[in-house]
C-alpha atoms as a PDB file:
ATOM      1  CA  MET A   1      -0.036   0.067  -0.164  1.00  0.00           C
ATOM      2  CA  ARG A   2       1.364   3.513  -1.373  1.00  0.00           C
ATOM      3  CA  TRP A   3       1.152   5.946   1.847  1.00  0.00           C
ATOM      4  CA  ILE A   4      -0.372   9.718   1.415  1.00  0.00           C
ATOM      5  CA  ARG A   5       2.387  12.583   1.369  1.00  0.00           C
ATOM      6  CA  SER A   6       0.820  15.366   2.919  1.00  0.00           C
ATOM      7  CA  ASN A   7       1.299  18.046   0.437  1.00  0.00           C
ATOM      8  CA  LYS A   8       0.244  21.237  -0.238  1.00  0.00           C
ATOM      9  CA  GLN A   9      -1.060  21.035  -3.603  1.00  0.00           C
ATOM     10  CA  CYS A  10      -3.794  18.230  -2.733  1.00  0.00           C
ATOM     11  CA  SER A  11      -6.963  19.694  -2.011  1.00  0.00           C
ATOM     12  CA  SER A  12      -7.708  18.549   1.599  1.00  0.00           C
ATOM     13  CA  ARG A  13     -10.601  16.944  -0.407  1.00  0.00           C
ATOM     14  CA  THR A  14      -8.387  15.323  -2.398  1.00  0.00           C
ATOM     15  CA  THR A  15      -6.300  13.854   1.092  1.00  0.00           C
ATOM     16  CA  GLY A  16      -9.510  13.041   2.812  1.00  0.00           C
ATOM     17  CA  THR A  17      -9.902  10.417   0.129  1.00  0.00           C
ATOM     18  CA  ALA A  18      -6.939   9.412   0.154  1.00  0.00           C
ATOM     19  CA  TRP A  19      -6.564   8.715   4.060  1.00  0.00           C
ATOM     20  CA  GLU A  20     -10.146   7.607   3.635  1.00  0.00           C
ATOM     21  CA  GLN A  21      -8.585   4.480   1.092  1.00  0.00           C
ATOM     22  CA  VAL A  22      -5.999   4.054   3.668  1.00  0.00           C
ATOM     23  CA  ALA A  23      -8.329   3.017   6.807  1.00  0.00           C
ATOM     24  CA  GLU A  24     -10.455   0.778   4.309  1.00  0.00           C
ATOM     25  CA  HIS A  25      -7.311  -1.003   3.696  1.00  0.00           C
ATOM     26  CA  PHE A  26      -6.635  -1.393   7.062  1.00  0.00           C
ATOM     27  CA  LEU A  27     -10.433  -2.525   7.969  1.00  0.00           C
ATOM     28  CA  SER A  28     -10.267  -5.022   4.929  1.00  0.00           C
ATOM     29  CA  GLU A  29      -6.481  -6.464   6.449  1.00  0.00           C
ATOM     30  CA  GLN A  30      -8.574  -6.962   9.638  1.00  0.00           C
ATOM     31  CA  GLY A  31     -11.317  -9.018   7.792  1.00  0.00           C
ATOM     32  CA  LEU A  32     -14.547  -5.879   7.532  1.00  0.00           C
ATOM     33  CA  VAL A  33     -16.223  -5.952   4.058  1.00  0.00           C
ATOM     34  CA  SER A  34     -16.551  -3.023   2.051  1.00  0.00           C
ATOM     35  CA  VAL A  35     -20.069  -2.088   1.863  1.00  0.00           C
ATOM     36  CA  ASP A  36     -20.776   1.555   0.660  1.00  0.00           C
ATOM     37  CA  LYS A  37     -18.203   4.743   1.254  1.00  0.00           C
ATOM     38  CA  ASN A  38     -18.563   8.539   1.475  1.00  0.00           C
ATOM     39  CA  PHE A  39     -22.233   8.524   1.987  1.00  0.00           C
ATOM     40  CA  HIS A  40     -24.310  11.746   1.746  1.00  0.00           C
ATOM     41  CA  SER A  41     -27.753  12.551   3.105  1.00  0.00           C
ATOM     42  CA  ARG A  42     -28.676  15.936   4.592  1.00  0.00           C
ATOM     43  CA  PHE A  43     -27.564  15.239   7.670  1.00  0.00           C
ATOM     44  CA  GLY A  44     -24.047  15.129   6.614  1.00  0.00           C
ATOM     45  CA  GLU A  45     -21.726  12.299   5.520  1.00  0.00           C
ATOM     46  CA  ILE A  46     -20.759   8.699   6.295  1.00  0.00           C
ATOM     47  CA  ASP A  47     -16.922   7.578   5.575  1.00  0.00           C
ATOM     48  CA  LEU A  48     -16.829   4.438   5.152  1.00  0.00           C
ATOM     49  CA  ILE A  49     -19.773   1.506   5.569  1.00  0.00           C
ATOM     50  CA  MET A  50     -18.160  -1.779   6.236  1.00  0.00           C
ATOM     51  CA  GLN A  51     -19.942  -5.439   7.747  1.00  0.00           C
ATOM     52  CA  ASP A  52     -18.278  -7.512  10.234  1.00  0.00           C
ATOM     53  CA  ASP A  53     -19.512 -10.493  10.914  1.00  0.00           C
ATOM     54  CA  ASP A  54     -23.646  -9.880  10.759  1.00  0.00           C
ATOM     55  CA  CYS A  55     -22.720  -6.389  12.254  1.00  0.00           C
ATOM     56  CA  LEU A  56     -23.147  -3.343  10.003  1.00  0.00           C
ATOM     57  CA  VAL A  57     -20.356  -1.118  10.671  1.00  0.00           C
ATOM     58  CA  PHE A  58     -20.618   2.965  10.050  1.00  0.00           C
ATOM     59  CA  ILE A  59     -16.761   4.006  10.161  1.00  0.00           C
ATOM     60  CA  GLU A  60     -15.701   7.956  10.373  1.00  0.00           C
ATOM     61  CA  VAL A  61     -12.152   8.199   9.227  1.00  0.00           C
ATOM     62  CA  LYS A  62      -9.891  11.157  10.939  1.00  0.00           C
ATOM     63  CA  PHE A  63      -6.509  12.151  10.037  1.00  0.00           C
ATOM     64  CA  ARG A  64      -4.304  14.478  11.613  1.00  0.00           C
ATOM     65  CA  GLN A  65      -0.712  14.991  11.141  1.00  0.00           C
ATOM     66  CA  LYS A  66       0.391  16.079  14.697  1.00  0.00           C
ATOM     67  CA  SER A  67      -1.681  14.986  17.910  1.00  0.00           C
ATOM     68  CA  ASN A  68      -2.082  18.904  18.866  1.00  0.00           C
ATOM     69  CA  PHE A  69      -5.189  19.646  20.266  1.00  0.00           C
ATOM     70  CA  GLY A  70      -6.778  16.237  21.104  1.00  0.00           C
ATOM     71  CA  GLY A  71      -5.681  14.380  18.321  1.00  0.00           C
ATOM     72  CA  ALA A  72      -7.719  12.783  15.186  1.00  0.00           C
ATOM     73  CA  ILE A  73      -9.436  10.613  18.170  1.00  0.00           C
ATOM     74  CA  ASN A  74     -11.226  14.041  19.922  1.00  0.00           C
ATOM     75  CA  ALA A  75     -11.853  15.773  16.501  1.00  0.00           C
ATOM     76  CA  VAL A  76     -15.269  13.403  16.710  1.00  0.00           C
ATOM     77  CA  ASN A  77     -17.193  15.836  19.111  1.00  0.00           C
ATOM     78  CA  HIS A  78     -20.965  15.076  20.074  1.00  0.00           C
ATOM     79  CA  THR A  79     -21.889  17.205  17.301  1.00  0.00           C
ATOM     80  CA  LYS A  80     -20.686  15.323  15.047  1.00  0.00           C
ATOM     81  CA  GLN A  81     -21.492  11.529  16.125  1.00  0.00           C
ATOM     82  CA  GLN A  82     -25.127  13.140  16.601  1.00  0.00           C
ATOM     83  CA  LYS A  83     -24.553  13.913  12.437  1.00  0.00           C
ATOM     84  CA  LEU A  84     -23.378  10.533  11.804  1.00  0.00           C
ATOM     85  CA  HIS A  85     -26.229   8.729  13.844  1.00  0.00           C
ATOM     86  CA  GLN A  86     -29.076  10.517  11.677  1.00  0.00           C
ATOM     87  CA  THR A  87     -26.440   9.439   8.502  1.00  0.00           C
ATOM     88  CA  ALA A  88     -26.629   6.158   9.361  1.00  0.00           C
ATOM     89  CA  LYS A  89     -30.604   6.108  10.378  1.00  0.00           C
ATOM     90  CA  PHE A  90     -31.411   7.542   7.069  1.00  0.00           C
ATOM     91  CA  PHE A  91     -29.141   5.036   5.135  1.00  0.00           C
ATOM     92  CA  LEU A  92     -30.106   1.827   7.302  1.00  0.00           C
ATOM     93  CA  GLN A  93     -34.099   3.017   5.774  1.00  0.00           C
ATOM     94  CA  GLN A  94     -32.595   3.904   3.017  1.00  0.00           C
ATOM     95  CA  HIS A  95     -31.839   0.008   2.498  1.00  0.00           C
ATOM     96  CA  GLY A  96     -35.233  -1.332   4.045  1.00  0.00           C
ATOM     97  CA  LEU A  97     -33.543  -1.331   7.549  1.00  0.00           C
ATOM     98  CA  ASN A  98     -33.710   0.035  11.159  1.00  0.00           C
ATOM     99  CA  GLU A  99     -31.665   0.498  14.180  1.00  0.00           C
ATOM    100  CA  TYR A 100     -33.754  -2.106  16.008  1.00  0.00           C
ATOM    101  CA  ASN A 101     -33.834  -5.063  13.952  1.00  0.00           C
ATOM    102  CA  THR A 102     -29.513  -4.238  12.403  1.00  0.00           C
ATOM    103  CA  SER A 103     -26.930  -5.235  14.145  1.00  0.00           C
ATOM    104  CA  CYS A 104     -24.970  -1.722  14.107  1.00  0.00           C
ATOM    105  CA  ARG A 105     -21.553   0.163  15.472  1.00  0.00           C
ATOM    106  CA  PHE A 106     -19.963   3.313  15.249  1.00  0.00           C
ATOM    107  CA  ASP A 107     -15.987   2.943  14.665  1.00  0.00           C
ATOM    108  CA  VAL A 108     -13.445   5.759  14.608  1.00  0.00           C
ATOM    109  CA  VAL A 109     -10.023   4.855  12.848  1.00  0.00           C
ATOM    110  CA  ALA A 110      -7.555   7.959  14.008  1.00  0.00           C
ATOM    111  CA  ILE A 111      -4.416   8.432  11.864  1.00  0.00           C
ATOM    112  CA  GLU A 112      -2.210  10.443  13.308  1.00  0.00           C
ATOM    113  CA  GLY A 113       1.419  11.573  11.750  1.00  0.00           C
ATOM    114  CA  THR A 114       3.142  11.173   8.591  1.00  0.00           C
ATOM    115  CA  THR A 115       5.629   8.211   8.652  1.00  0.00           C
ATOM    116  CA  ASN A 116       5.442   5.096   6.485  1.00  0.00           C
ATOM    117  CA  PRO A 117       3.153   3.701   7.497  1.00  0.00           C
ATOM    118  CA  PRO A 118       1.005   5.885   9.892  1.00  0.00           C
ATOM    119  CA  ASN A 119       0.137   5.249  13.494  1.00  0.00           C
ATOM    120  CA  ILE A 120      -3.682   3.823  12.547  1.00  0.00           C
ATOM    121  CA  THR A 121      -6.184   3.705  15.999  1.00  0.00           C
ATOM    122  CA  TRP A 122      -9.019   1.811  15.762  1.00  0.00           C
ATOM    123  CA  LEU A 123     -11.459   2.294  18.306  1.00  0.00           C
ATOM    124  CA  LYS A 124     -14.641  -0.058  17.999  1.00  0.00           C
ATOM    125  CA  ASN A 125     -17.595   0.999  18.920  1.00  0.00           C
ATOM    126  CA  ALA A 126     -16.133   4.252  19.529  1.00  0.00           C
ATOM    127  CA  PHE A 127     -19.837   5.662  21.143  1.00  0.00           C
END
């Protein structure tokens, strides 16, 4: 897997997409199967949606070059969590499912640093 180097010429969207691919590859190596990515609704966006056995996993990917100001993990604040919950409900509804009869969880993949490979922290059932 080719690692991303931060480059001021790259847009933040391009950089974000590249780190999401790194996270998806990492999670695939852990046995998760990709279902969807960059799912949008009026409530927000979910970076990755993957299947872990019988559990549907909604994943927020955060990258920070440095761990200043709490790092990548702390960037998923309460407001962001609420948006993710609403977007996940919308995803389930669009697929004829609901949160009461579908096993789901919310994970965070925090990527910090520009080392090769970067420091990846996977928080299962983060909120």
